[in-house]
Each structure stands twice: as C-alpha cells, then as structure tokens.
Amino acid sequence: MNTVDNKPLKESTGSFRYEEIPTRAGWCIAAVLTAEDIAARLITRQEPVQLTLAAVYLILLAGFVFTGYIKLKHADTGRADAASCRIRTARALEVVILTIFVSLLYHGPFFYFIVLLPVTSVILSMGFRKAVPLIVLGWLSQTLAQHAVSLLAANLIPKWINNNQLVLFMSVTVQYLLFALYSYIIGRIHGEYVRSQEENRMLIDRLGDKYVQLEQAKKEIQSQYDKLSRVNEQLEEANNRLSASIAEFYTLQQISQAISSIFEMNELLKFVNDVIIGVMGVSHSTIALCHGPNNLLKVQVSSISDKKELAVVTDYINTDVLRPAVKDGNSMIDNDVSAERYPFTRGRNIRSLICVPLIAKGSVLGIVLIEHSMPNAFNSDNVRLLEIISQQVGIAIENARLYQQMHDLATLDGLTGTYNRLYFQDHLEAEFRKAQEENYGISLLMFDIDHFKQFNDTYGHLFGDMVLKNIAAYIMKKLRKEDIFARYGGEEFVILMPHTSLNQVMEKAEDIRSGVESLVITDRDVSASVTISVGVSSYPETADSQAALLKSADDALYEAKRLGRNRVCVAYEKSGRKA
C-alpha cells in the first residue's frame, strides 16, 4: 500500500496515467541536451566531437527511451501486479540513466532538474512518499556518477567543476534537497487534488446511487401508474358494462311494468316503441305484427310521422330481405343499408338497421325494426339488447292477447259477440253518473225479437242462434264506437247511446227496426225474416235515474208488443204523459 500525505493509495496501472507526458518530454529534453552539449564542446573548447562520447550519449539515450517505452507499455496493460514491478524498475533505471547522462554533459550541473521528470510523474500518480526513494536514488547515483566521471574522464567536464569536488557534492545535495522540497509541495498539492477527486468520486457515486434509486423509484412509479391505468381501464370497462346492464335492467323493468299494467295491444306497443327509441338512441323504430295464414307483416306502431314515408314502409315491409326474421326467427344487422336492398327505407336516408323477431311460445309474432341515419351505428351488443327487449315484448303481446281473450270471455256474449248483461250494467252506471256530472243526454234502446220462441220451435234452435248472430252483426255496423250494444237476456238486447237525445234515439230505433225487418236470413234450404219490437227512453226527458231509464225503456218495449209488435214505442215523460 502507498500513501499520499498519510492517506493510503491503491497502486495499480491506473496510478501510472501521468507517465506518458513526462516520459515523452524527457526524451525530447534528453535529445536537446545532447545537441546542446555537442554544440557547447564545439564552440567552447573548439574541439571535434569525440566518437566515444557520442556513442555513450547514444547508448544512454537509447537506454532512456527503451526504459520509458517499457514503462509506458506496462502502464497500458490491465495486469496491475506484474506491471507495477516492471514500471518501478524502469523508473529507477530512468533515474540512473539520466544522472549518468547529466554527469557527462559539459554543462551538467545546470541540468540536474531533468531527474525531476520521472520523479514528477510518480508524485502525480502516487504522491510524495513514493517519490522519496527515487529522489534518494537520483542523489546517490548523481553523486557517484559525477565522482566517477571526474576520476575516469576528467577531460569531459569543465576544469572548475573537476577542481571543486566538495563544492560539486554540496551543490548536488542542495539541489536534490530543493528537488525534495519541490516534490513535497507538488505531492501535497497532488494529495489535496486526489482527496478532492476522491470526494468528488464519492459524491458522484452517491449521486449515482441516488440516480439509480430515483430511476428505480421512477420505474416503480411508472409500474404503479401502469397498474393503475390497467385497473382504471378495467374499472371503466366494468362501469360501461354496468351502465349497459343498468340500461338493460331499466328497459326490461319498464317493459315488465307495461306487461303488468297495459293490456290494450296498441297502447302497449306504442309504449314499448317509445322505450326502444329512448334506450337504443335510434332515428326510427317500427313494430310490425304477423297476420293471416301467410304471416304477412302489418305495421302496428312506428315513430315515422310522415304519412308518405310511413306508407312506403307499410307497402314494402314484407320484402324478402326481412323474411328470415319472420320465417326462421333470426335476427339481422346491417351497417351499410341501401334503398335498393331495403325498399322500405326509400327517401329516408337510412344507413344502418337491426331487425329482431318477436317470439312467444316458439312462434314468431312479428318484428322490431330499428333504423339509424349513420353508417356503422350498431354492433352485436345492440342486437343482444334488442333481442332481450323483443323477448319481453313477445311475452307482453302474448299476455295482451290472452287478456283480450279473457276480457272477451268475461264481457262478450259468446253467441252474438255483443257485450253481456254484466258488462252493460257496469257501463250503464258509469255512463249515467258521467252524464249527470257533465250534464249531457243519454238514451237507452231496448228490443227483442218478435215471436222468437215460435220461430225456434219451427226452425230449430241452431237456426235461431243464426238469427241472433245475424241481427247482432247487422246492428253493430249501424252503431257508433261509443255506443254500448249488449245481449240483455235470451232474444232481448239493449243499446246505450251517450250524448243522444230522445228524438235522436227514436230516429235510430226506427232505422234499426226497419233494417232488421228487411233482413233475409238463410241457412242451406231455410230462409226467413224476423221483426223486432223496440222501446226507447232518454235522460233527462223520460227518466231521472239509472233504474228509471231501464224501467221506462222496458215499459215502452212491452207497450210496443201490446200494440202489435214490429214497432217503436217511446217511454212516458216523467210527468206521466207519453213522450
């Protein structure tokens, strides 16, 4: 181990990085001094150059260059242990060669400083303490070489030097002491520099460690950020799925509520169509149901408000391109719609559509058709959602139909298709109360078929049933939508006519009576005609209560029968006079 000002230094090939410049400078200086010596001898002594001396110079110079080359060569190798030994040996040889060389110079005492070149490189590389042996070696070899030259070759040096050996020894010693002082100062400066470099290196190492830690922290933060980004993407995807699920749930909830609360078919389909438009965000939605033995589509509800455009849809809804949805129950999606392929879109700039069948109990009931004016507006999720909605709509349609059937069974007469007595009683009560509250007239027409028992005995009950059905069908065609036509019992019927005065109901009753009289009812070989007797009453002219209205009409009916049948009789006024 070496030290620089009491601080240890590790000796390695890296310690010799200052060798090259002093070594090469030493070669140049040695060459210059050789030239100076030859010139000095020629000028001062005016004598030719001695070949022996020149040969010695050349040998010394060659040895100096060779040792420097060896030193530089081993300083560049990576083997610190072997290189250090060779470099130290080469350095020592350099000092010895230089001291001998300087001792032979004519002005040698003036050039002792040349020994500082290898010493300086050692100081710069390894500090002052490593240079002390070289200084001592230089002083010793310088003294011996100078003395040897003065004894063996006195003619090579000036006489004043040769005659003052003690002075020369003292001079050499003083110069080397000055060399040592100079080297100590340079060593201290170099030591401070080395410590500064070491501190800087340690600072750089610490900064490097901090940088590595920062890089690791950055990578960790980036990793955490990436994880958070992935988690955020997953959460966003889950949120989108949840939003879609909530939308689906809300839609199905609305439709389920409609199924449980809306039983009128058109009202139900209109509600569902509005829900589909809101949920799917489409330009148009149309629901068409199958009718007839060929399952032809008929538009039931549509968001298309333009009558001409709706007419085009109605005319072309049974196009072949939609038949797979009706025939096989397959959904279809097209994000590049053309009017040539889909003629029902003509004039409406439709670019995307989905068609989903309405299915209940394995049967196709119709289709839901949604359209958008933008291309590529739909995807498989939209198809799936619409299929779910359509399943619920199919159930709703089936429920509405079942409800209608049950309603018909509960409110209609099974033979004639008119309302039954129970339904009539309920509506009479509600309608009479409304007429009183809103102060409008309401009339009642009651009739039965003349001699119907005798007719049944003559032609049979089956033909009698046919008579009832034909008369009911004829009268239904002559009534308004708000009129209530019901079978009151057997061959007796009633007609409740809101917003109708006594004079108006009398005219209507006569029209019905004459129309029935003109009917000819035929069944195979049997043909017959019947007549009816009619009694009419009206609120407020002939009755002031619901019961009075019924009784007064019934009384008028019996009056018509008593007077010979096939006629219309009017109830008495509330005062007791005939109206």
Foldseek 3Di string as FASTA:
>chain_A
DFAQPPHDDDFFLQLLPLLPVLLVVLLVVLVVLVVVQQVCCCPVVVDHDDPVLVVLSVVLSVLSNVLSVLLVVLSPDRPGPVNVVSNVVSLLSNLLSVLLSLLLGQPSLVPLCSNVSSLVSNLLRGFLVVSVVSLVSNLVSNLVSNVVCLVPPVVRYDPVCSVCSVVSNVSSVVVSVVSSVVRNVSSVVSVVVVVVVVVVVVVVVVVVVVVVVVVVVVVVVVVVVVVVVVVVVVVVVVVVVVVLVVLLVVLLVVLVVCLVPPQAQLVSVVSNLVSCCVSLVFPKKWWWWFDDPVRATATRDMPDPDPVLVVLCRVQVRPPVCVCCQPVQDKDWFLADDCVRVVSCPPPQWGIKIKGFQDDPRHTGTIMITTHNHGPSDDVSSNVSVNVSSPSVSVSNVSSVVVVVVVQVVFADPLQRAGEQVNVVVVLVVLLVVCVVVVAKKKKKKKFWPPLVVVCVVPNVVLSSQLLNVLSVVVVVVDDPPKHWYAHDDRMIMIIGTRADPVRVQVVVLVSQVVQQPDWDDDVPDIDGTGMAMFMEMPPFADDDSVSNVVQRVVQRVVCVVVPGSYYAYGAGPVRHGD
